[in-house]
Amino acid sequence: MLENEFPPSLNIEDIKIKISEISQKPLDLHPQEFENVHSDLNRVLSGIDGL
């Protein structure tokens, strides 16, 4: 999957799950995981009218 593509069904609930799973991953992966979440949030929120 290309970086600028995301699953069409990606929503806020999916992102909340991703956030909760970060603590289960090795600490050195946390920064990249939070960057991924930030990117996902930007894409999902940009799909909302007026944002």
PDB file of N, CA and C in Angstrom:
ATOM      1  N   MET A   1       0.848  -1.178   0.000  1.00  0.00           N
ATOM      2  CA  MET A   1       0.000   0.000   0.000  1.00  0.00           C
ATOM      3  C   MET A   1       0.889   1.235   0.000  1.00  0.00           C
ATOM      4  N   LEU A   2       0.570   2.182  -0.815  1.00  0.00           N
ATOM      5  CA  LEU A   2       1.328   3.423  -0.859  1.00  0.00           C
ATOM      6  C   LEU A   2       1.050   4.240   0.386  1.00  0.00           C
ATOM      7  N   GLU A   3       2.004   5.089   0.755  1.00  0.00           N
ATOM      8  CA  GLU A   3       1.858   5.862   1.981  1.00  0.00           C
ATOM      9  C   GLU A   3       0.656   6.790   1.959  1.00  0.00           C
ATOM     10  N   ASN A   4       0.307   7.325   0.795  1.00  0.00           N
ATOM     11  CA  ASN A   4      -0.811   8.256   0.746  1.00  0.00           C
ATOM     12  C   ASN A   4      -2.150   7.560   0.545  1.00  0.00           C
ATOM     13  N   GLU A   5      -2.163   6.240   0.565  1.00  0.00           N
ATOM     14  CA  GLU A   5      -3.399   5.490   0.474  1.00  0.00           C
ATOM     15  C   GLU A   5      -3.752   4.977   1.858  1.00  0.00           C
ATOM     16  N   PHE A   6      -5.038   4.800   2.105  1.00  0.00           N
ATOM     17  CA  PHE A   6      -5.476   4.233   3.363  1.00  0.00           C
ATOM     18  C   PHE A   6      -6.735   3.437   3.112  1.00  0.00           C
ATOM     19  N   PRO A   7      -7.012   2.475   3.982  1.00  0.00           N
ATOM     20  CA  PRO A   7      -8.215   1.676   3.768  1.00  0.00           C
ATOM     21  C   PRO A   7      -9.454   2.572   3.774  1.00  0.00           C
ATOM     22  N   PRO A   8     -10.358   2.374   2.844  1.00  0.00           N
ATOM     23  CA  PRO A   8     -11.542   3.229   2.774  1.00  0.00           C
ATOM     24  C   PRO A   8     -12.393   3.143   4.039  1.00  0.00           C
ATOM     25  N   SER A   9     -12.283   2.044   4.771  1.00  0.00           N
ATOM     26  CA  SER A   9     -13.098   1.886   5.968  1.00  0.00           C
ATOM     27  C   SER A   9     -12.409   2.433   7.223  1.00  0.00           C
ATOM     28  N   LEU A  10     -11.224   3.015   7.086  1.00  0.00           N
ATOM     29  CA  LEU A  10     -10.517   3.571   8.228  1.00  0.00           C
ATOM     30  C   LEU A  10     -11.357   4.672   8.858  1.00  0.00           C
ATOM     31  N   ASN A  11     -11.562   4.570  10.171  1.00  0.00           N
ATOM     32  CA  ASN A  11     -12.357   5.582  10.864  1.00  0.00           C
ATOM     33  C   ASN A  11     -11.749   5.862  12.228  1.00  0.00           C
ATOM     34  N   ILE A  12     -12.359   6.739  12.976  1.00  0.00           N
ATOM     35  CA  ILE A  12     -11.841   7.145  14.274  1.00  0.00           C
ATOM     36  C   ILE A  12     -11.750   5.944  15.227  1.00  0.00           C
ATOM     37  N   GLU A  13     -12.710   5.062  15.179  1.00  0.00           N
ATOM     38  CA  GLU A  13     -12.676   3.882  16.059  1.00  0.00           C
ATOM     39  C   GLU A  13     -11.453   3.015  15.762  1.00  0.00           C
ATOM     40  N   ASP A  14     -11.121   2.854  14.482  1.00  0.00           N
ATOM     41  CA  ASP A  14      -9.929   2.087  14.104  1.00  0.00           C
ATOM     42  C   ASP A  14      -8.674   2.746  14.668  1.00  0.00           C
ATOM     43  N   ILE A  15      -8.633   4.052  14.613  1.00  0.00           N
ATOM     44  CA  ILE A  15      -7.471   4.788  15.107  1.00  0.00           C
ATOM     45  C   ILE A  15      -7.365   4.658  16.621  1.00  0.00           C
ATOM     46  N   LYS A  16      -8.498   4.680  17.320  1.00  0.00           N
ATOM     47  CA  LYS A  16      -8.486   4.500  18.768  1.00  0.00           C
ATOM     48  C   LYS A  16      -7.912   3.138  19.129  1.00  0.00           C
ATOM     49  N   ILE A  17      -8.239   2.131  18.365  1.00  0.00           N
ATOM     50  CA  ILE A  17      -7.700   0.789  18.597  1.00  0.00           C
ATOM     51  C   ILE A  17      -6.194   0.787  18.368  1.00  0.00           C
ATOM     52  N   LYS A  18      -5.750   1.426  17.285  1.00  0.00           N
ATOM     53  CA  LYS A  18      -4.309   1.511  17.010  1.00  0.00           C
ATOM     54  C   LYS A  18      -3.567   2.167  18.163  1.00  0.00           C
ATOM     55  N   ILE A  19      -4.146   3.244  18.712  1.00  0.00           N
ATOM     56  CA  ILE A  19      -3.519   3.950  19.828  1.00  0.00           C
ATOM     57  C   ILE A  19      -3.406   3.027  21.037  1.00  0.00           C
ATOM     58  N   SER A  20      -4.468   2.300  21.338  1.00  0.00           N
ATOM     59  CA  SER A  20      -4.446   1.425  22.508  1.00  0.00           C
ATOM     60  C   SER A  20      -3.452   0.276  22.345  1.00  0.00           C
ATOM     61  N   GLU A  21      -3.156  -0.112  21.121  1.00  0.00           N
ATOM     62  CA  GLU A  21      -2.223  -1.214  20.876  1.00  0.00           C
ATOM     63  C   GLU A  21      -0.760  -0.782  20.919  1.00  0.00           C
ATOM     64  N   ILE A  22      -0.495   0.510  20.883  1.00  0.00           N
ATOM     65  CA  ILE A  22       0.881   0.990  20.867  1.00  0.00           C
ATOM     66  C   ILE A  22       1.635   0.540  22.111  1.00  0.00           C
ATOM     67  N   SER A  23       0.985   0.565  23.257  1.00  0.00           N
ATOM     68  CA  SER A  23       1.672   0.202  24.503  1.00  0.00           C
ATOM     69  C   SER A  23       2.147  -1.246  24.515  1.00  0.00           C
ATOM     70  N   GLN A  24       1.602  -2.082  23.658  1.00  0.00           N
ATOM     71  CA  GLN A  24       1.993  -3.483  23.590  1.00  0.00           C
ATOM     72  C   GLN A  24       3.204  -3.707  22.683  1.00  0.00           C
ATOM     73  N   LYS A  25       3.629  -2.658  22.015  1.00  0.00           N
ATOM     74  CA  LYS A  25       4.748  -2.757  21.080  1.00  0.00           C
ATOM     75  C   LYS A  25       6.039  -2.297  21.755  1.00  0.00           C
ATOM     76  N   PRO A  26       7.178  -2.709  21.216  1.00  0.00           N
ATOM     77  CA  PRO A  26       8.456  -2.266  21.785  1.00  0.00           C
ATOM     78  C   PRO A  26       8.558  -0.740  21.808  1.00  0.00           C
ATOM     79  N   LEU A  27       9.170  -0.242  22.852  1.00  0.00           N
ATOM     80  CA  LEU A  27       9.268   1.201  23.066  1.00  0.00           C
ATOM     81  C   LEU A  27       9.915   1.924  21.890  1.00  0.00           C
ATOM     82  N   ASP A  28      10.894   1.306  21.263  1.00  0.00           N
ATOM     83  CA  ASP A  28      11.572   1.979  20.156  1.00  0.00           C
ATOM     84  C   ASP A  28      10.681   2.155  18.926  1.00  0.00           C
ATOM     85  N   LEU A  29       9.545   1.469  18.888  1.00  0.00           N
ATOM     86  CA  LEU A  29       8.604   1.619  17.774  1.00  0.00           C
ATOM     87  C   LEU A  29       7.540   2.687  18.039  1.00  0.00           C
ATOM     88  N   HIS A  30       7.428   3.137  19.276  1.00  0.00           N
ATOM     89  CA  HIS A  30       6.385   4.095  19.623  1.00  0.00           C
ATOM     90  C   HIS A  30       6.403   5.374  18.787  1.00  0.00           C
ATOM     91  N   PRO A  31       7.558   6.011  18.592  1.00  0.00           N
ATOM     92  CA  PRO A  31       7.533   7.244  17.791  1.00  0.00           C
ATOM     93  C   PRO A  31       6.953   7.036  16.387  1.00  0.00           C
ATOM     94  N   GLN A  32       7.352   5.959  15.729  1.00  0.00           N
ATOM     95  CA  GLN A  32       6.837   5.703  14.379  1.00  0.00           C
ATOM     96  C   GLN A  32       5.352   5.374  14.419  1.00  0.00           C
ATOM     97  N   GLU A  33       4.936   4.643  15.432  1.00  0.00           N
ATOM     98  CA  GLU A  33       3.514   4.310  15.556  1.00  0.00           C
ATOM     99  C   GLU A  33       2.673   5.572  15.757  1.00  0.00           C
ATOM    100  N   PHE A  34       3.163   6.503  16.583  1.00  0.00           N
ATOM    101  CA  PHE A  34       2.423   7.749  16.790  1.00  0.00           C
ATOM    102  C   PHE A  34       2.415   8.595  15.522  1.00  0.00           C
ATOM    103  N   GLU A  35       3.491   8.548  14.756  1.00  0.00           N
ATOM    104  CA  GLU A  35       3.504   9.255  13.463  1.00  0.00           C
ATOM    105  C   GLU A  35       2.454   8.655  12.534  1.00  0.00           C
ATOM    106  N   ASN A  36       2.348   7.329  12.541  1.00  0.00           N
ATOM    107  CA  ASN A  36       1.343   6.660  11.705  1.00  0.00           C
ATOM    108  C   ASN A  36      -0.067   7.060  12.128  1.00  0.00           C
ATOM    109  N   VAL A  37      -0.303   7.105  13.442  1.00  0.00           N
ATOM    110  CA  VAL A  37      -1.614   7.503  13.953  1.00  0.00           C
ATOM    111  C   VAL A  37      -1.908   8.948  13.549  1.00  0.00           C
ATOM    112  N   HIS A  38      -0.924   9.803  13.681  1.00  0.00           N
ATOM    113  CA  HIS A  38      -1.100  11.212  13.299  1.00  0.00           C
ATOM    114  C   HIS A  38      -1.478  11.322  11.826  1.00  0.00           C
ATOM    115  N   SER A  39      -0.797  10.580  11.003  1.00  0.00           N
ATOM    116  CA  SER A  39      -1.075  10.589   9.570  1.00  0.00           C
ATOM    117  C   SER A  39      -2.489  10.073   9.281  1.00  0.00           C
ATOM    118  N   ASP A  40      -2.867   8.973   9.950  1.00  0.00           N
ATOM    119  CA  ASP A  40      -4.212   8.424   9.776  1.00  0.00           C
ATOM    120  C   ASP A  40      -5.274   9.435  10.204  1.00  0.00           C
ATOM    121  N   LEU A  41      -5.045  10.095  11.331  1.00  0.00           N
ATOM    122  CA  LEU A  41      -5.999  11.096  11.809  1.00  0.00           C
ATOM    123  C   LEU A  41      -6.149  12.233  10.804  1.00  0.00           C
ATOM    124  N   ASN A  42      -5.046  12.690  10.265  1.00  0.00           N
ATOM    125  CA  ASN A  42      -5.111  13.759   9.269  1.00  0.00           C
ATOM    126  C   ASN A  42      -5.955  13.344   8.070  1.00  0.00           C
ATOM    127  N   ARG A  43      -5.772  12.115   7.597  1.00  0.00           N
ATOM    128  CA  ARG A  43      -6.537  11.646   6.436  1.00  0.00           C
ATOM    129  C   ARG A  43      -8.015  11.508   6.756  1.00  0.00           C
ATOM    130  N   VAL A  44      -8.320  10.920   7.919  1.00  0.00           N
ATOM    131  CA  VAL A  44      -9.725  10.722   8.270  1.00  0.00           C
ATOM    132  C   VAL A  44     -10.403  12.071   8.494  1.00  0.00           C
ATOM    133  N   LEU A  45      -9.751  12.958   9.216  1.00  0.00           N
ATOM    134  CA  LEU A  45     -10.355  14.253   9.515  1.00  0.00           C
ATOM    135  C   LEU A  45     -10.478  15.136   8.281  1.00  0.00           C
ATOM    136  N   SER A  46      -9.578  14.966   7.321  1.00  0.00           N
ATOM    137  CA  SER A  46      -9.684  15.764   6.108  1.00  0.00           C
ATOM    138  C   SER A  46     -10.902  15.370   5.273  1.00  0.00           C
ATOM    139  N   GLY A  47     -11.441  14.206   5.533  1.00  0.00           N
ATOM    140  CA  GLY A  47     -12.629  13.760   4.830  1.00  0.00           C
ATOM    141  C   GLY A  47     -13.925  14.316   5.410  1.00  0.00           C
ATOM    142  N   ILE A  48     -13.812  15.006   6.541  1.00  0.00           N
ATOM    143  CA  ILE A  48     -14.984  15.600   7.168  1.00  0.00           C
ATOM    144  C   ILE A  48     -15.186  16.999   6.604  1.00  0.00           C
ATOM    145  N   ASP A  49     -16.375  17.269   6.153  1.00  0.00           N
ATOM    146  CA  ASP A  49     -16.664  18.594   5.570  1.00  0.00           C
ATOM    147  C   ASP A  49     -16.332  19.707   6.548  1.00  0.00           C
ATOM    148  N   GLY A  50     -15.685  20.726   6.066  1.00  0.00           N
ATOM    149  CA  GLY A  50     -15.382  21.896   6.874  1.00  0.00           C
ATOM    150  C   GLY A  50     -14.073  21.831   7.625  1.00  0.00           C
ATOM    151  N   LEU A  51     -13.348  20.723   7.529  1.00  0.00           N
ATOM    152  CA  LEU A  51     -12.053  20.635   8.213  1.00  0.00           C
ATOM    153  C   LEU A  51     -10.926  20.641   7.206  1.00  0.00           C
TER     154      LEU A  51
END
